[in-house]
C-alpha atoms as a PDB file:
ATOM      1  CA  GLU A   1      24.950 -10.688  39.295  1.00  0.00           C
ATOM      2  CA  ILE A   2      26.050 -13.967  37.756  1.00  0.00           C
ATOM      3  CA  SER A   3      22.576 -15.341  37.992  1.00  0.00           C
ATOM      4  CA  ASP A   4      21.270 -12.199  36.309  1.00  0.00           C
ATOM      5  CA  LEU A   5      23.820 -12.651  33.551  1.00  0.00           C
ATOM      6  CA  ILE A   6      22.879 -16.294  33.145  1.00  0.00           C
ATOM      7  CA  GLN A   7      19.220 -15.353  32.893  1.00  0.00           C
ATOM      8  CA  GLU A   8      20.003 -12.675  30.366  1.00  0.00           C
ATOM      9  CA  VAL A   9      22.045 -15.141  28.316  1.00  0.00           C
ATOM     10  CA  GLN A  10      19.209 -17.666  28.472  1.00  0.00           C
ATOM     11  CA  LEU A  11      16.699 -15.022  27.413  1.00  0.00           C
ATOM     12  CA  ARG A  12      18.950 -14.037  24.535  1.00  0.00           C
ATOM     13  CA  GLU A  13      19.331 -17.679  23.519  1.00  0.00           C
ATOM     14  CA  GLU A  14      15.565 -18.106  23.569  1.00  0.00           C
ATOM     15  CA  LYS A  15      15.165 -14.975  21.456  1.00  0.00           C
ATOM     16  CA  ILE A  16      17.825 -16.241  19.048  1.00  0.00           C
ATOM     17  CA  THR A  17      16.081 -19.612  18.861  1.00  0.00           C
ATOM     18  CA  HIS A  18      12.745 -17.899  18.282  1.00  0.00           C
ATOM     19  CA  ILE A  19      14.233 -15.582  15.650  1.00  0.00           C
ATOM     20  CA  SER A  20      15.912 -18.584  13.991  1.00  0.00           C
ATOM     21  CA  SER A  21      12.615 -20.439  13.930  1.00  0.00           C
ATOM     22  CA  LEU A  22      10.842 -17.419  12.430  1.00  0.00           C
ATOM     23  CA  THR A  23      13.607 -17.008   9.890  1.00  0.00           C
ATOM     24  CA  LEU A  24      13.269 -20.667   8.848  1.00  0.00           C
ATOM     25  CA  HIS A  25       9.526 -20.257   8.568  1.00  0.00           C
ATOM     26  CA  ILE A  26       9.966 -17.143   6.425  1.00  0.00           C
ATOM     27  CA  ILE A  27      12.504 -18.944   4.226  1.00  0.00           C
ATOM     28  CA  GLU A  28      10.089 -21.880   3.768  1.00  0.00           C
ATOM     29  CA  ARG A  29       7.299 -19.495   2.772  1.00  0.00           C
ATOM     30  CA  MET A  30       9.615 -17.740   0.347  1.00  0.00           C
ATOM     31  CA  HIS A  31      10.524 -21.100  -1.198  1.00  0.00           C
ATOM     32  CA  LYS A  32       6.844 -21.912  -1.607  1.00  0.00           C
ATOM     33  CA  LYS A  33       6.211 -18.528  -3.202  1.00  0.00           C
ATOM     34  CA  LEU A  34       9.161 -19.033  -5.515  1.00  0.00           C
ATOM     35  CA  ASP A  35       7.838 -22.462  -6.479  1.00  0.00           C
ATOM     36  CA  ILE A  36       4.461 -20.916  -7.180  1.00  0.00           C
ATOM     37  CA  GLN A  37       6.045 -18.152  -9.247  1.00  0.00           C
ATOM     38  CA  LEU A  38       8.110 -20.659 -11.218  1.00  0.00           C
ATOM     39  CA  ASN A  39       5.042 -22.757 -11.811  1.00  0.00           C
ATOM     40  CA  MET A  40       3.131 -19.676 -12.967  1.00  0.00           C
ATOM     41  CA  GLN A  41       5.973 -18.667 -15.276  1.00  0.00           C
ATOM     42  CA  GLN A  42       5.999 -22.159 -16.743  1.00  0.00           C
ATOM     43  CA  LYS A  43       2.249 -22.041 -17.269  1.00  0.00           C
ATOM     44  CA  CYS A  44       2.591 -18.596 -18.847  1.00  0.00           C
ATOM     45  CA  ARG A  45       5.195 -19.951 -21.274  1.00  0.00           C
ATOM     46  CA  GLN A  46       2.947 -22.873 -22.061  1.00  0.00           C
ATOM     47  CA  LEU A  47       0.020 -20.523 -22.680  1.00  0.00           C
ATOM     48  CA  GLN A  48       2.173 -18.326 -24.897  1.00  0.00           C
ATOM     49  CA  GLU A  49       3.197 -21.375 -26.927  1.00  0.00           C
ATOM     50  CA  GLU A  50      -0.423 -22.457 -27.233  1.00  0.00           C
ATOM     51  CA  ASN A  51      -1.395 -18.940 -28.209  1.00  0.00           C
ATOM     52  CA  GLU A  52       1.276 -18.881 -30.914  1.00  0.00           C
ATOM     53  CA  TYR A  53       0.145 -22.289 -32.166  1.00  0.00           C
ATOM     54  CA  PHE A  54      -3.513 -21.287 -32.354  1.00  0.00           C
ATOM     55  CA  SER A  55      -2.621 -17.943 -33.905  1.00  0.00           C
ATOM     56  CA  SER A  56      -0.726 -19.736 -36.654  1.00  0.00           C
ATOM     57  CA  LYS A  57      -3.630 -22.161 -37.119  1.00  0.00           C
ATOM     58  CA  TYR A  58      -6.035 -19.229 -37.335  1.00  0.00           C
ATOM     59  CA  ILE A  59      -3.876 -17.602 -39.996  1.00  0.00           C
ATOM     60  CA  GLU A  60      -3.799 -20.903 -41.946  1.00  0.00           C
ATOM     61  CA  PHE A  61      -7.559 -21.260 -41.618  1.00  0.00           C
ATOM     62  CA  LYS A  62      -8.124 -17.678 -42.729  1.00  0.00           C
ATOM     63  CA  LYS A  63      -5.896 -18.204 -45.767  1.00  0.00           C
ATOM     64  CA  GLU A  64      -7.665 -21.467 -46.671  1.00  0.00           C
ATOM     65  CA  ARG A  65     -11.025 -19.752 -46.304  1.00  0.00           C
ATOM     66  CA  GLU A  66      -9.936 -16.919 -48.591  1.00  0.00           C
ATOM     67  CA  GLU A  67      -8.763 -19.483 -51.150  1.00  0.00           C
ATOM     68  CA  PHE A  68     -12.080 -21.316 -50.841  1.00  0.00           C
ATOM     69  CA  GLU A  69     -14.003 -18.066 -51.318  1.00  0.00           C
ATOM     70  CA  MET A  70     -11.942 -17.295 -54.428  1.00  0.00           C
ATOM     71  CA  GLU A  71     -12.615 -20.769 -55.841  1.00  0.00           C
ATOM     72  CA  LYS A  72     -16.292 -20.350 -55.068  1.00  0.00           C
ATOM     73  CA  LEU A  73     -16.340 -16.985 -56.819  1.00  0.00           C
ATOM     74  CA  GLU A  74     -14.558 -18.451 -59.855  1.00  0.00           C
ATOM     75  CA  LEU A  75     -17.057 -21.333 -60.011  1.00  0.00           C
ATOM     76  CA  ASN A  76     -19.971 -18.919 -59.774  1.00  0.00           C
ATOM     77  CA  MET A  77     -18.493 -16.896 -62.632  1.00  0.00           C
ATOM     78  CA  ARG A  78     -18.125 -20.064 -64.714  1.00  0.00           C
ATOM     79  CA  VAL A  79     -21.727 -21.043 -63.972  1.00  0.00           C
ATOM     80  CA  LEU A  80     -22.914 -17.597 -65.053  1.00  0.00           C
ATOM     81  CA  ASP A  81     -20.862 -17.843 -68.249  1.00  0.00           C
ATOM     82  CA  LEU A  82     -22.353 -21.280 -68.987  1.00  0.00           C
ATOM     83  CA  GLN A  83     -25.851 -19.975 -68.307  1.00  0.00           C
ATOM     84  CA  ASP A  84     -25.248 -17.132 -70.744  1.00  0.00           C
ATOM     85  CA  LYS A  85     -23.982 -19.580 -73.383  1.00  0.00           C
ATOM     86  CA  VAL A  86     -26.970 -21.886 -72.885  1.00  0.00           C
ATOM     87  CA  GLU A  87     -29.386 -18.968 -73.096  1.00  0.00           C
ATOM     88  CA  ASP A  88     -27.693 -17.840 -76.330  1.00  0.00           C
ATOM     89  CA  GLU A  89     -28.100 -21.368 -77.803  1.00  0.00           C
ATOM     90  CA  ILE A  90     -31.758 -21.825 -76.879  1.00  0.00           C
ATOM     91  CA  GLU A  91     -34.339 -20.956 -79.549  1.00  0.00           C
ATOM     92  CA  THR A  92     -37.811 -19.959 -78.556  1.00  0.00           C
ATOM     93  CA  VAL A  93     -40.764 -22.101 -79.658  1.00  0.00           C
ATOM     94  CA  SER A  94     -44.315 -20.850 -79.644  1.00  0.00           C
ATOM     95  CA  TYR A  95     -46.644 -22.380 -77.105  1.00  0.00           C
ATOM     96  CA  THR A  96     -49.420 -22.947 -79.634  1.00  0.00           C
ATOM     97  CA  HIS A  97     -47.108 -24.965 -81.844  1.00  0.00           C
ATOM     98  CA  LEU A  98     -46.371 -27.295 -78.971  1.00  0.00           C
ATOM     99  CA  THR A  99     -50.006 -27.848 -78.022  1.00  0.00           C
ATOM    100  CA  LEU A 100     -51.728 -28.463 -81.370  1.00  0.00           C
ATOM    101  CA  PRO A 101     -53.723 -31.686 -81.317  1.00  0.00           C
ATOM    102  CA  THR A 102     -52.600 -34.533 -83.539  1.00  0.00           C
ATOM    103  CA  ILE A 103     -54.868 -36.649 -85.694  1.00  0.00           C
ATOM    104  CA  TYR A 104     -52.722 -39.710 -85.639  1.00  0.00           C
ATOM    105  CA  SER A 105     -53.872 -42.762 -83.755  1.00  0.00           C
ATOM    106  CA  VAL A 106     -52.038 -45.920 -82.866  1.00  0.00           C
ATOM    107  CA  GLN A 107     -53.523 -49.397 -83.117  1.00  0.00           C
ATOM    108  CA  ILE A 108     -52.060 -52.413 -81.393  1.00  0.00           C
ATOM    109  CA  SER A 109     -52.941 -55.947 -82.512  1.00  0.00           C
ATOM    110  CA  VAL A 110     -52.392 -59.004 -80.377  1.00  0.00           C
ATOM    111  CA  VAL A 111     -52.250 -62.511 -81.860  1.00  0.00           C
ATOM    112  CA  ALA A 112     -52.097 -65.677 -79.751  1.00  0.00           C
ATOM    113  CA  VAL A 113     -49.906 -68.503 -81.065  1.00  0.00           C
ATOM    114  CA  SER A 114     -49.459 -71.918 -79.515  1.00  0.00           C
ATOM    115  CA  LEU A 115     -46.200 -73.758 -80.045  1.00  0.00           C
ATOM    116  CA  LYS A 116     -46.042 -77.470 -79.374  1.00  0.00           C
ATOM    117  CA  LYS A 117     -43.013 -79.693 -79.749  1.00  0.00           C
ATOM    118  CA  LYS A 118     -43.437 -83.032 -81.534  1.00  0.00           C
END
């Protein structure tokens, strides 16, 4: 009977040791999972911050582009106004008046002169 009890105690100790080992293993795995989760949460926060940054940059870019488009539109309007003013100032000239032949001729005379110092 005592030997049976000793065996039973030893078996129970082995089971306890085994259960303790499994429990430690499970705790280690849980720690690793927690580390992974914390790392993922940190990365998520970082991505959220980057997303906010790029969203703000996009909004700035969009605003600048709208301002540029407005400036471009204003410049185009000014160009059109100037074109209208120039067209109003231009007088038409007949083509025949511009192409009539002229009877004037030009003569060029060349004279050679020698200069000597005495």
